[in-house]
Amino acid sequence: MDPLPLSRLYAAVARLIESGRYQHASEDLLHSAGIEKAETKSRISAPRDAARIGLSDVKAGQVRTFDTAQDLGHYLVDLAESALRPIT
C-alpha cells in the first residue's frame, strides 16, 4: 500500500478535529496508531494460531494423507460437492 500523501493526511486530521470527534491532532494520530498496531498484531497472530491448530490436529492424529496430488484433487472436489449439496 502506498503511503498517504501528507497533504491528504493533514486534511483528514483537520476534518476529524472540525467534526468534533477529536479535540487535537494527537488524539487522532494516537487512535490511528492503535488501530494499525491491532491490525499488525492480527496479521502476526493469525498464522501463528493456524499453525498451532494444525499442529494440535497432527498430534491428535486428525490428519488425512494423499498418495498423489490427483488423489487430493478428487478429495477436494468431493468435499466441495458435498458442501454445495442441498440439505434434505
PDB file of N, CA and C in Angstrom:
ATOM      1  N   MET A   1       0.841  -1.166   0.000  1.00  0.00           N
ATOM      2  CA  MET A   1       0.000   0.000   0.000  1.00  0.00           C
ATOM      3  C   MET A   1       0.890   1.235   0.000  1.00  0.00           C
ATOM      4  N   ASP A   2       0.573   2.182  -0.873  1.00  0.00           N
ATOM      5  CA  ASP A   2       1.340   3.415  -0.944  1.00  0.00           C
ATOM      6  C   ASP A   2       1.036   4.282   0.274  1.00  0.00           C
ATOM      7  N   PRO A   3       2.060   4.973   0.794  1.00  0.00           N
ATOM      8  CA  PRO A   3       1.804   5.847   1.934  1.00  0.00           C
ATOM      9  C   PRO A   3       0.874   6.987   1.528  1.00  0.00           C
ATOM     10  N   LEU A   4       0.075   7.440   2.467  1.00  0.00           N
ATOM     11  CA  LEU A   4      -0.846   8.543   2.234  1.00  0.00           C
ATOM     12  C   LEU A   4      -0.043   9.832   2.112  1.00  0.00           C
ATOM     13  N   PRO A   5      -0.270  10.627   1.049  1.00  0.00           N
ATOM     14  CA  PRO A   5       0.450  11.903   0.941  1.00  0.00           C
ATOM     15  C   PRO A   5       0.146  12.772   2.159  1.00  0.00           C
ATOM     16  N   LEU A   6       1.138  13.493   2.637  1.00  0.00           N
ATOM     17  CA  LEU A   6       0.967  14.307   3.842  1.00  0.00           C
ATOM     18  C   LEU A   6      -0.170  15.314   3.722  1.00  0.00           C
ATOM     19  N   SER A   7      -0.359  15.894   2.546  1.00  0.00           N
ATOM     20  CA  SER A   7      -1.431  16.885   2.393  1.00  0.00           C
ATOM     21  C   SER A   7      -2.796  16.240   2.643  1.00  0.00           C
ATOM     22  N   ARG A   8      -2.990  15.012   2.183  1.00  0.00           N
ATOM     23  CA  ARG A   8      -4.261  14.310   2.423  1.00  0.00           C
ATOM     24  C   ARG A   8      -4.384  13.931   3.890  1.00  0.00           C
ATOM     25  N   LEU A   9      -3.275  13.551   4.513  1.00  0.00           N
ATOM     26  CA  LEU A   9      -3.296  13.203   5.928  1.00  0.00           C
ATOM     27  C   LEU A   9      -3.678  14.421   6.766  1.00  0.00           C
ATOM     28  N   TYR A  10      -3.044  15.561   6.490  1.00  0.00           N
ATOM     29  CA  TYR A  10      -3.356  16.790   7.223  1.00  0.00           C
ATOM     30  C   TYR A  10      -4.834  17.161   7.039  1.00  0.00           C
ATOM     31  N   ALA A  11      -5.330  17.044   5.825  1.00  0.00           N
ATOM     32  CA  ALA A  11      -6.726  17.395   5.545  1.00  0.00           C
ATOM     33  C   ALA A  11      -7.674  16.462   6.298  1.00  0.00           C
ATOM     34  N   ALA A  12      -7.355  15.171   6.338  1.00  0.00           N
ATOM     35  CA  ALA A  12      -8.202  14.209   7.047  1.00  0.00           C
ATOM     36  C   ALA A  12      -8.218  14.498   8.546  1.00  0.00           C
ATOM     37  N   VAL A  13      -7.062  14.791   9.106  1.00  0.00           N
ATOM     38  CA  VAL A  13      -6.982  15.116  10.539  1.00  0.00           C
ATOM     39  C   VAL A  13      -7.759  16.394  10.821  1.00  0.00           C
ATOM     40  N   ALA A  14      -7.634  17.383   9.955  1.00  0.00           N
ATOM     41  CA  ALA A  14      -8.351  18.653  10.145  1.00  0.00           C
ATOM     42  C   ALA A  14      -9.860  18.416  10.128  1.00  0.00           C
ATOM     43  N   ARG A  15     -10.335  17.569   9.198  1.00  0.00           N
ATOM     44  CA  ARG A  15     -11.778  17.282   9.136  1.00  0.00           C
ATOM     45  C   ARG A  15     -12.259  16.596  10.411  1.00  0.00           C
ATOM     46  N   LEU A  16     -11.467  15.671  10.943  1.00  0.00           N
ATOM     47  CA  LEU A  16     -11.858  14.970  12.172  1.00  0.00           C
ATOM     48  C   LEU A  16     -11.915  15.930  13.361  1.00  0.00           C
ATOM     49  N   ILE A  17     -10.969  16.848  13.416  1.00  0.00           N
ATOM     50  CA  ILE A  17     -10.968  17.827  14.510  1.00  0.00           C
ATOM     51  C   ILE A  17     -12.166  18.765  14.357  1.00  0.00           C
ATOM     52  N   GLU A  18     -12.415  19.239  13.131  1.00  0.00           N
ATOM     53  CA  GLU A  18     -13.547  20.134  12.884  1.00  0.00           C
ATOM     54  C   GLU A  18     -14.876  19.450  13.200  1.00  0.00           C
ATOM     55  N   SER A  19     -14.959  18.142  12.975  1.00  0.00           N
ATOM     56  CA  SER A  19     -16.212  17.429  13.230  1.00  0.00           C
ATOM     57  C   SER A  19     -16.490  17.281  14.717  1.00  0.00           C
ATOM     58  N   GLY A  20     -15.466  17.535  15.531  1.00  0.00           N
ATOM     59  CA  GLY A  20     -15.635  17.407  16.973  1.00  0.00           C
ATOM     60  C   GLY A  20     -15.298  16.016  17.497  1.00  0.00           C
ATOM     61  N   ARG A  21     -14.941  15.111  16.603  1.00  0.00           N
ATOM     62  CA  ARG A  21     -14.615  13.753  17.045  1.00  0.00           C
ATOM     63  C   ARG A  21     -13.357  13.753  17.907  1.00  0.00           C
ATOM     64  N   TYR A  22     -12.408  14.586  17.542  1.00  0.00           N
ATOM     65  CA  TYR A  22     -11.163  14.707  18.299  1.00  0.00           C
ATOM     66  C   TYR A  22     -10.930  16.177  18.611  1.00  0.00           C
ATOM     67  N   GLN A  23     -10.301  16.431  19.738  1.00  0.00           N
ATOM     68  CA  GLN A  23     -10.001  17.800  20.126  1.00  0.00           C
ATOM     69  C   GLN A  23      -8.649  18.257  19.586  1.00  0.00           C
ATOM     70  N   HIS A  24      -7.740  17.311  19.399  1.00  0.00           N
ATOM     71  CA  HIS A  24      -6.387  17.633  18.966  1.00  0.00           C
ATOM     72  C   HIS A  24      -5.933  16.600  17.933  1.00  0.00           C
ATOM     73  N   ALA A  25      -5.009  17.017  17.091  1.00  0.00           N
ATOM     74  CA  ALA A  25      -4.477  16.109  16.077  1.00  0.00           C
ATOM     75  C   ALA A  25      -3.821  14.892  16.724  1.00  0.00           C
ATOM     76  N   SER A  26      -3.219  15.084  17.890  1.00  0.00           N
ATOM     77  CA  SER A  26      -2.519  13.973  18.541  1.00  0.00           C
ATOM     78  C   SER A  26      -3.491  12.859  18.917  1.00  0.00           C
ATOM     79  N   GLU A  27      -4.737  13.203  19.284  1.00  0.00           N
ATOM     80  CA  GLU A  27      -5.724  12.177  19.622  1.00  0.00           C
ATOM     81  C   GLU A  27      -6.008  11.294  18.408  1.00  0.00           C
ATOM     82  N   ASP A  28      -6.197  11.931  17.251  1.00  0.00           N
ATOM     83  CA  ASP A  28      -6.469  11.176  16.028  1.00  0.00           C
ATOM     84  C   ASP A  28      -5.291  10.286  15.676  1.00  0.00           C
ATOM     85  N   LEU A  29      -4.090  10.849  15.770  1.00  0.00           N
ATOM     86  CA  LEU A  29      -2.904  10.074  15.412  1.00  0.00           C
ATOM     87  C   LEU A  29      -2.709   8.901  16.371  1.00  0.00           C
ATOM     88  N   LEU A  30      -2.958   9.111  17.657  1.00  0.00           N
ATOM     89  CA  LEU A  30      -2.837   8.013  18.620  1.00  0.00           C
ATOM     90  C   LEU A  30      -3.887   6.939  18.345  1.00  0.00           C
ATOM     91  N   HIS A  31      -5.104   7.368  18.021  1.00  0.00           N
ATOM     92  CA  HIS A  31      -6.162   6.414  17.689  1.00  0.00           C
ATOM     93  C   HIS A  31      -5.769   5.603  16.460  1.00  0.00           C
ATOM     94  N   SER A  32      -5.291   6.278  15.415  1.00  0.00           N
ATOM     95  CA  SER A  32      -4.869   5.594  14.184  1.00  0.00           C
ATOM     96  C   SER A  32      -3.726   4.634  14.453  1.00  0.00           C
ATOM     97  N   ALA A  33      -2.785   5.058  15.284  1.00  0.00           N
ATOM     98  CA  ALA A  33      -1.656   4.184  15.612  1.00  0.00           C
ATOM     99  C   ALA A  33      -2.138   2.946  16.350  1.00  0.00           C
ATOM    100  N   GLY A  34      -3.135   3.102  17.221  1.00  0.00           N
ATOM    101  CA  GLY A  34      -3.688   1.961  17.939  1.00  0.00           C
ATOM    102  C   GLY A  34      -4.356   0.977  17.001  1.00  0.00           C
ATOM    103  N   ILE A  35      -5.092   1.489  16.015  1.00  0.00           N
ATOM    104  CA  ILE A  35      -5.735   0.622  15.023  1.00  0.00           C
ATOM    105  C   ILE A  35      -4.676  -0.113  14.215  1.00  0.00           C
ATOM    106  N   GLU A  36      -3.651   0.612  13.787  1.00  0.00           N
ATOM    107  CA  GLU A  36      -2.584  -0.006  12.996  1.00  0.00           C
ATOM    108  C   GLU A  36      -1.872  -1.079  13.808  1.00  0.00           C
ATOM    109  N   LYS A  37      -1.637  -0.810  15.090  1.00  0.00           N
ATOM    110  CA  LYS A  37      -0.972  -1.787  15.952  1.00  0.00           C
ATOM    111  C   LYS A  37      -1.834  -3.043  16.086  1.00  0.00           C
ATOM    112  N   ALA A  38      -3.142  -2.878  16.243  1.00  0.00           N
ATOM    113  CA  ALA A  38      -4.054  -4.024  16.360  1.00  0.00           C
ATOM    114  C   ALA A  38      -4.075  -4.828  15.065  1.00  0.00           C
ATOM    115  N   GLU A  39      -4.069  -4.134  13.919  1.00  0.00           N
ATOM    116  CA  GLU A  39      -4.066  -4.835  12.632  1.00  0.00           C
ATOM    117  C   GLU A  39      -2.770  -5.613  12.452  1.00  0.00           C
ATOM    118  N   THR A  40      -1.651  -5.022  12.832  1.00  0.00           N
ATOM    119  CA  THR A  40      -0.364  -5.706  12.731  1.00  0.00           C
ATOM    120  C   THR A  40      -0.344  -6.937  13.629  1.00  0.00           C
ATOM    121  N   LYS A  41      -0.839  -6.786  14.847  1.00  0.00           N
ATOM    122  CA  LYS A  41      -0.893  -7.914  15.776  1.00  0.00           C
ATOM    123  C   LYS A  41      -1.742  -9.031  15.196  1.00  0.00           C
ATOM    124  N   SER A  42      -2.856  -8.682  14.578  1.00  0.00           N
ATOM    125  CA  SER A  42      -3.745  -9.679  13.980  1.00  0.00           C
ATOM    126  C   SER A  42      -3.051 -10.407  12.831  1.00  0.00           C
ATOM    127  N   ARG A  43      -2.324  -9.652  12.002  1.00  0.00           N
ATOM    128  CA  ARG A  43      -1.611 -10.278  10.872  1.00  0.00           C
ATOM    129  C   ARG A  43      -0.539 -11.244  11.366  1.00  0.00           C
ATOM    130  N   ILE A  44       0.038 -10.942  12.514  1.00  0.00           N
ATOM    131  CA  ILE A  44       1.076 -11.808  13.072  1.00  0.00           C
ATOM    132  C   ILE A  44       0.452 -13.002  13.780  1.00  0.00           C
ATOM    133  N   SER A  45      -0.609 -12.775  14.539  1.00  0.00           N
ATOM    134  CA  SER A  45      -1.170 -13.850  15.359  1.00  0.00           C
ATOM    135  C   SER A  45      -2.001 -14.842  14.551  1.00  0.00           C
ATOM    136  N   ALA A  46      -2.633 -14.421  13.472  1.00  0.00           N
ATOM    137  CA  ALA A  46      -3.486 -15.337  12.699  1.00  0.00           C
ATOM    138  C   ALA A  46      -2.699 -16.543  12.160  1.00  0.00           C
ATOM    139  N   PRO A  47      -1.558 -16.352  11.500  1.00  0.00           N
ATOM    140  CA  PRO A  47      -0.810 -17.519  11.032  1.00  0.00           C
ATOM    141  C   PRO A  47      -0.297 -18.382  12.192  1.00  0.00           C
ATOM    142  N   ARG A  48       0.099 -17.724  13.282  1.00  0.00           N
ATOM    143  CA  ARG A  48       0.551 -18.469  14.460  1.00  0.00           C
ATOM    144  C   ARG A  48      -0.569 -19.344  15.009  1.00  0.00           C
ATOM    145  N   ASP A  49      -1.760 -18.773  15.111  1.00  0.00           N
ATOM    146  CA  ASP A  49      -2.908 -19.523  15.611  1.00  0.00           C
ATOM    147  C   ASP A  49      -3.248 -20.686  14.688  1.00  0.00           C
ATOM    148  N   ALA A  50      -3.198 -20.454  13.384  1.00  0.00           N
ATOM    149  CA  ALA A  50      -3.484 -21.519  12.421  1.00  0.00           C
ATOM    150  C   ALA A  50      -2.452 -22.642  12.533  1.00  0.00           C
ATOM    151  N   ALA A  51      -1.194 -22.288  12.690  1.00  0.00           N
ATOM    152  CA  ALA A  51      -0.145 -23.303  12.853  1.00  0.00           C
ATOM    153  C   ALA A  51      -0.355 -24.088  14.141  1.00  0.00           C
ATOM    154  N   ARG A  52      -0.716 -23.415  15.205  1.00  0.00           N
ATOM    155  CA  ARG A  52      -0.964 -24.067  16.493  1.00  0.00           C
ATOM    156  C   ARG A  52      -2.117 -25.074  16.365  1.00  0.00           C
ATOM    157  N   ILE A  53      -3.181 -24.688  15.674  1.00  0.00           N
ATOM    158  CA  ILE A  53      -4.318 -25.582  15.467  1.00  0.00           C
ATOM    159  C   ILE A  53      -3.897 -26.773  14.612  1.00  0.00           C
ATOM    160  N   GLY A  54      -3.139 -26.501  13.565  1.00  0.00           N
ATOM    161  CA  GLY A  54      -2.676 -27.585  12.692  1.00  0.00           C
ATOM    162  C   GLY A  54      -1.799 -28.582  13.429  1.00  0.00           C
ATOM    163  N   LEU A  55      -0.872 -28.091  14.229  1.00  0.00           N
ATOM    164  CA  LEU A  55      -0.004 -28.987  14.999  1.00  0.00           C
ATOM    165  C   LEU A  55      -0.799 -29.795  16.011  1.00  0.00           C
ATOM    166  N   SER A  56      -1.798 -29.175  16.593  1.00  0.00           N
ATOM    167  CA  SER A  56      -2.664 -29.877  17.539  1.00  0.00           C
ATOM    168  C   SER A  56      -3.405 -31.015  16.841  1.00  0.00           C
ATOM    169  N   ASP A  57      -3.893 -30.754  15.631  1.00  0.00           N
ATOM    170  CA  ASP A  57      -4.579 -31.798  14.859  1.00  0.00           C
ATOM    171  C   ASP A  57      -3.627 -32.943  14.514  1.00  0.00           C
ATOM    172  N   VAL A  58      -2.404 -32.609  14.132  1.00  0.00           N
ATOM    173  CA  VAL A  58      -1.421 -33.646  13.798  1.00  0.00           C
ATOM    174  C   VAL A  58      -1.131 -34.511  15.026  1.00  0.00           C
ATOM    175  N   LYS A  59      -0.909 -33.875  16.169  1.00  0.00           N
ATOM    176  CA  LYS A  59      -0.630 -34.620  17.401  1.00  0.00           C
ATOM    177  C   LYS A  59      -1.800 -35.514  17.794  1.00  0.00           C
ATOM    178  N   ALA A  60      -3.030 -35.072  17.490  1.00  0.00           N
ATOM    179  CA  ALA A  60      -4.222 -35.845  17.839  1.00  0.00           C
ATOM    180  C   ALA A  60      -4.535 -36.906  16.786  1.00  0.00           C
ATOM    181  N   GLY A  61      -3.733 -36.960  15.730  1.00  0.00           N
ATOM    182  CA  GLY A  61      -3.960 -37.954  14.683  1.00  0.00           C
ATOM    183  C   GLY A  61      -5.107 -37.603  13.755  1.00  0.00           C
ATOM    184  N   GLN A  62      -5.515 -36.353  13.761  1.00  0.00           N
ATOM    185  CA  GLN A  62      -6.628 -35.916  12.928  1.00  0.00           C
ATOM    186  C   GLN A  62      -6.107 -35.333  11.616  1.00  0.00           C
ATOM    187  N   VAL A  63      -5.448 -36.189  10.854  1.00  0.00           N
ATOM    188  CA  VAL A  63      -4.911 -35.762   9.562  1.00  0.00           C
ATOM    189  C   VAL A  63      -5.332 -36.743   8.491  1.00  0.00           C
ATOM    190  N   ARG A  64      -5.296 -36.295   7.271  1.00  0.00           N
ATOM    191  CA  ARG A  64      -5.629 -37.133   6.126  1.00  0.00           C
ATOM    192  C   ARG A  64      -4.448 -37.021   5.165  1.00  0.00           C
ATOM    193  N   THR A  65      -3.965 -38.142   4.691  1.00  0.00           N
ATOM    194  CA  THR A  65      -2.833 -38.116   3.763  1.00  0.00           C
ATOM    195  C   THR A  65      -3.295 -38.578   2.387  1.00  0.00           C
ATOM    196  N   PHE A  66      -2.567 -38.143   1.381  1.00  0.00           N
ATOM    197  CA  PHE A  66      -2.884 -38.482  -0.001  1.00  0.00           C
ATOM    198  C   PHE A  66      -1.607 -38.941  -0.684  1.00  0.00           C
ATOM    199  N   ASP A  67      -1.732 -39.969  -1.510  1.00  0.00           N
ATOM    200  CA  ASP A  67      -0.559 -40.505  -2.205  1.00  0.00           C
ATOM    201  C   ASP A  67      -0.146 -39.621  -3.369  1.00  0.00           C
ATOM    202  N   THR A  68      -1.112 -38.974  -3.999  1.00  0.00           N
ATOM    203  CA  THR A  68      -0.794 -38.144  -5.165  1.00  0.00           C
ATOM    204  C   THR A  68      -1.587 -36.840  -5.099  1.00  0.00           C
ATOM    205  N   ALA A  69      -1.148 -35.892  -5.890  1.00  0.00           N
ATOM    206  CA  ALA A  69      -1.883 -34.627  -5.999  1.00  0.00           C
ATOM    207  C   ALA A  69      -3.263 -34.882  -6.599  1.00  0.00           C
ATOM    208  N   GLN A  70      -3.350 -35.858  -7.471  1.00  0.00           N
ATOM    209  CA  GLN A  70      -4.641 -36.191  -8.081  1.00  0.00           C
ATOM    210  C   GLN A  70      -5.619 -36.710  -7.023  1.00  0.00           C
ATOM    211  N   ASP A  71      -5.127 -37.540  -6.097  1.00  0.00           N
ATOM    212  CA  ASP A  71      -5.977 -38.023  -5.006  1.00  0.00           C
ATOM    213  C   ASP A  71      -6.485 -36.855  -4.159  1.00  0.00           C
ATOM    214  N   LEU A  72      -5.612 -35.914  -3.883  1.00  0.00           N
ATOM    215  CA  LEU A  72      -6.009 -34.726  -3.134  1.00  0.00           C
ATOM    216  C   LEU A  72      -7.068 -33.947  -3.908  1.00  0.00           C
ATOM    217  N   GLY A  73      -6.863 -33.791  -5.208  1.00  0.00           N
ATOM    218  CA  GLY A  73      -7.827 -33.078  -6.048  1.00  0.00           C
ATOM    219  C   GLY A  73      -9.196 -33.732  -6.021  1.00  0.00           C
ATOM    220  N   HIS A  74      -9.228 -35.054  -6.130  1.00  0.00           N
ATOM    221  CA  HIS A  74     -10.504 -35.774  -6.079  1.00  0.00           C
ATOM    222  C   HIS A  74     -11.191 -35.564  -4.722  1.00  0.00           C
ATOM    223  N   TYR A  75     -10.414 -35.627  -3.656  1.00  0.00           N
ATOM    224  CA  TYR A  75     -10.969 -35.433  -2.322  1.00  0.00           C
ATOM    225  C   TYR A  75     -11.580 -34.039  -2.198  1.00  0.00           C
ATOM    226  N   LEU A  76     -10.863 -33.018  -2.672  1.00  0.00           N
ATOM    227  CA  LEU A  76     -11.360 -31.648  -2.571  1.00  0.00           C
ATOM    228  C   LEU A  76     -12.616 -31.428  -3.408  1.00  0.00           C
ATOM    229  N   VAL A  77     -12.670 -32.042  -4.596  1.00  0.00           N
ATOM    230  CA  VAL A  77     -13.872 -31.929  -5.428  1.00  0.00           C
ATOM    231  C   VAL A  77     -15.052 -32.583  -4.721  1.00  0.00           C
ATOM    232  N   ASP A  78     -14.835 -33.781  -4.186  1.00  0.00           N
ATOM    233  CA  ASP A  78     -15.905 -34.465  -3.445  1.00  0.00           C
ATOM    234  C   ASP A  78     -16.365 -33.642  -2.247  1.00  0.00           C
ATOM    235  N   LEU A  79     -15.422 -33.056  -1.535  1.00  0.00           N
ATOM    236  CA  LEU A  79     -15.740 -32.236  -0.369  1.00  0.00           C
ATOM    237  C   LEU A  79     -16.558 -31.009  -0.776  1.00  0.00           C
ATOM    238  N   ALA A  80     -16.160 -30.347  -1.865  1.00  0.00           N
ATOM    239  CA  ALA A  80     -16.883 -29.164  -2.362  1.00  0.00           C
ATOM    240  C   ALA A  80     -18.288 -29.542  -2.798  1.00  0.00           C
ATOM    241  N   GLU A  81     -18.416 -30.647  -3.519  1.00  0.00           N
ATOM    242  CA  GLU A  81     -19.739 -31.083  -3.967  1.00  0.00           C
ATOM    243  C   GLU A  81     -20.630 -31.396  -2.776  1.00  0.00           C
ATOM    244  N   SER A  82     -20.054 -32.015  -1.769  1.00  0.00           N
ATOM    245  CA  SER A  82     -20.807 -32.337  -0.552  1.00  0.00           C
ATOM    246  C   SER A  82     -21.270 -31.064   0.151  1.00  0.00           C
ATOM    247  N   ALA A  83     -20.410 -30.087   0.200  1.00  0.00           N
ATOM    248  CA  ALA A  83     -20.739 -28.826   0.877  1.00  0.00           C
ATOM    249  C   ALA A  83     -21.824 -28.063   0.103  1.00  0.00           C
ATOM    250  N   LEU A  84     -21.854 -28.213  -1.203  1.00  0.00           N
ATOM    251  CA  LEU A  84     -22.807 -27.474  -2.037  1.00  0.00           C
ATOM    252  C   LEU A  84     -24.137 -28.212  -2.216  1.00  0.00           C
ATOM    253  N   ARG A  85     -24.176 -29.459  -1.812  1.00  0.00           N
ATOM    254  CA  ARG A  85     -25.388 -30.262  -1.940  1.00  0.00           C
ATOM    255  C   ARG A  85     -26.473 -29.701  -1.019  1.00  0.00           C
ATOM    256  N   PRO A  86     -27.698 -29.577  -1.533  1.00  0.00           N
ATOM    257  CA  PRO A  86     -28.782 -29.054  -0.684  1.00  0.00           C
ATOM    258  C   PRO A  86     -29.033 -29.953   0.512  1.00  0.00           C
ATOM    259  N   ILE A  87     -29.400 -29.340   1.604  1.00  0.00           N
ATOM    260  CA  ILE A  87     -29.730 -30.095   2.829  1.00  0.00           C
ATOM    261  C   ILE A  87     -31.142 -30.626   2.652  1.00  0.00           C
ATOM    262  N   THR A  88     -31.296 -31.916   2.935  1.00  0.00           N
ATOM    263  CA  THR A  88     -32.638 -32.511   2.790  1.00  0.00           C
ATOM    264  C   THR A  88     -33.220 -32.874   4.137  1.00  0.00           C
TER     265      THR A  88
END
